[in-house]
Amino acid sequence: MFVKREIRVQSNAEVLHSSIASLSSI
């Protein structure tokens, strides 16, 4: 369960990072 939670956090962080990068690139 902990591993799944970590993966979820990583995926969320990646999505946030990509969204922020796209916003900053505009």
PDB file of N, CA and C in Angstrom:
ATOM      1  N   MET A   1       0.845  -1.204   0.000  1.00  0.00           N
ATOM      2  CA  MET A   1       0.000   0.000   0.000  1.00  0.00           C
ATOM      3  C   MET A   1       0.880   1.254   0.000  1.00  0.00           C
ATOM      4  N   PHE A   2       1.947   1.218   0.785  1.00  0.00           N
ATOM      5  CA  PHE A   2       2.821   2.388   0.847  1.00  0.00           C
ATOM      6  C   PHE A   2       3.447   2.674  -0.519  1.00  0.00           C
ATOM      7  N   VAL A   3       3.850   1.592  -1.197  1.00  0.00           N
ATOM      8  CA  VAL A   3       4.475   1.760  -2.514  1.00  0.00           C
ATOM      9  C   VAL A   3       3.490   2.417  -3.474  1.00  0.00           C
ATOM     10  N   LYS A   4       2.246   1.925  -3.452  1.00  0.00           N
ATOM     11  CA  LYS A   4       1.227   2.503  -4.342  1.00  0.00           C
ATOM     12  C   LYS A   4       1.031   3.981  -4.026  1.00  0.00           C
ATOM     13  N   ARG A   5       1.030   4.296  -2.750  1.00  0.00           N
ATOM     14  CA  ARG A   5       0.844   5.691  -2.352  1.00  0.00           C
ATOM     15  C   ARG A   5       2.000   6.543  -2.874  1.00  0.00           C
ATOM     16  N   GLU A   6       3.238   6.033  -2.763  1.00  0.00           N
ATOM     17  CA  GLU A   6       4.402   6.767  -3.250  1.00  0.00           C
ATOM     18  C   GLU A   6       4.290   7.000  -4.751  1.00  0.00           C
ATOM     19  N   ILE A   7       3.871   5.946  -5.480  1.00  0.00           N
ATOM     20  CA  ILE A   7       3.726   6.076  -6.934  1.00  0.00           C
ATOM     21  C   ILE A   7       2.689   7.151  -7.243  1.00  0.00           C
ATOM     22  N   ARG A   8       1.611   7.163  -6.489  1.00  0.00           N
ATOM     23  CA  ARG A   8       0.562   8.164  -6.698  1.00  0.00           C
ATOM     24  C   ARG A   8       1.128   9.563  -6.488  1.00  0.00           C
ATOM     25  N   VAL A   9       1.883   9.735  -5.428  1.00  0.00           N
ATOM     26  CA  VAL A   9       2.484  11.050  -5.141  1.00  0.00           C
ATOM     27  C   VAL A   9       3.409  11.465  -6.279  1.00  0.00           C
ATOM     28  N   GLN A  10       4.214  10.517  -6.761  1.00  0.00           N
ATOM     29  CA  GLN A  10       5.143  10.832  -7.849  1.00  0.00           C
ATOM     30  C   GLN A  10       4.370  11.246  -9.089  1.00  0.00           C
ATOM     31  N   SER A  11       3.311  10.521  -9.433  1.00  0.00           N
ATOM     32  CA  SER A  11       2.531  10.833 -10.627  1.00  0.00           C
ATOM     33  C   SER A  11       1.896  12.212 -10.476  1.00  0.00           C
ATOM     34  N   ASN A  12       1.373  12.506  -9.300  1.00  0.00           N
ATOM     35  CA  ASN A  12       0.769  13.814  -9.061  1.00  0.00           C
ATOM     36  C   ASN A  12       1.815  14.915  -9.194  1.00  0.00           C
ATOM     37  N   ALA A  13       2.994  14.681  -8.642  1.00  0.00           N
ATOM     38  CA  ALA A  13       4.068  15.671  -8.724  1.00  0.00           C
ATOM     39  C   ALA A  13       4.456  15.903 -10.175  1.00  0.00           C
ATOM     40  N   GLU A  14       4.518  14.826 -10.965  1.00  0.00           N
ATOM     41  CA  GLU A  14       4.880  14.968 -12.376  1.00  0.00           C
ATOM     42  C   GLU A  14       3.829  15.788 -13.110  1.00  0.00           C
ATOM     43  N   VAL A  15       2.561  15.525 -12.838  1.00  0.00           N
ATOM     44  CA  VAL A  15       1.475  16.271 -13.491  1.00  0.00           C
ATOM     45  C   VAL A  15       1.563  17.747 -13.118  1.00  0.00           C
ATOM     46  N   LEU A  16       1.778  18.025 -11.833  1.00  0.00           N
ATOM     47  CA  LEU A  16       1.881  19.419 -11.391  1.00  0.00           C
ATOM     48  C   LEU A  16       3.087  20.089 -12.050  1.00  0.00           C
ATOM     49  N   HIS A  17       4.205  19.392 -12.102  1.00  0.00           N
ATOM     50  CA  HIS A  17       5.420  19.954 -12.693  1.00  0.00           C
ATOM     51  C   HIS A  17       5.194  20.255 -14.174  1.00  0.00           C
ATOM     52  N   SER A  18       4.584  19.327 -14.890  1.00  0.00           N
ATOM     53  CA  SER A  18       4.342  19.515 -16.324  1.00  0.00           C
ATOM     54  C   SER A  18       3.372  20.672 -16.535  1.00  0.00           C
ATOM     55  N   SER A  19       2.348  20.776 -15.717  1.00  0.00           N
ATOM     56  CA  SER A  19       1.368  21.861 -15.859  1.00  0.00           C
ATOM     57  C   SER A  19       2.030  23.203 -15.569  1.00  0.00           C
ATOM     58  N   ILE A  20       2.856  23.250 -14.536  1.00  0.00           N
ATOM     59  CA  ILE A  20       3.554  24.493 -14.198  1.00  0.00           C
ATOM     60  C   ILE A  20       4.511  24.871 -15.325  1.00  0.00           C
ATOM     61  N   ALA A  21       5.204  23.885 -15.878  1.00  0.00           N
ATOM     62  CA  ALA A  21       6.150  24.153 -16.961  1.00  0.00           C
ATOM     63  C   ALA A  21       5.415  24.714 -18.164  1.00  0.00           C
ATOM     64  N   SER A  22       4.244  24.150 -18.477  1.00  0.00           N
ATOM     65  CA  SER A  22       3.479  24.627 -19.638  1.00  0.00           C
ATOM     66  C   SER A  22       2.990  26.046 -19.374  1.00  0.00           C
ATOM     67  N   LEU A  23       2.577  26.323 -18.153  1.00  0.00           N
ATOM     68  CA  LEU A  23       2.097  27.674 -17.832  1.00  0.00           C
ATOM     69  C   LEU A  23       3.237  28.679 -17.917  1.00  0.00           C
ATOM     70  N   SER A  24       4.399  28.320 -17.407  1.00  0.00           N
ATOM     71  CA  SER A  24       5.545  29.235 -17.416  1.00  0.00           C
ATOM     72  C   SER A  24       6.062  29.435 -18.838  1.00  0.00           C
ATOM     73  N   SER A  25       5.871  28.422 -19.691  1.00  0.00           N
ATOM     74  CA  SER A  25       6.376  28.524 -21.068  1.00  0.00           C
ATOM     75  C   SER A  25       5.492  29.457 -21.901  1.00  0.00           C
ATOM     76  N   ILE A  26       4.232  29.620 -21.495  1.00  0.00           N
ATOM     77  CA  ILE A  26       3.313  30.465 -22.270  1.00  0.00           C
ATOM     78  C   ILE A  26       3.764  31.926 -22.219  1.00  0.00           C
TER      79      ILE A  26
END
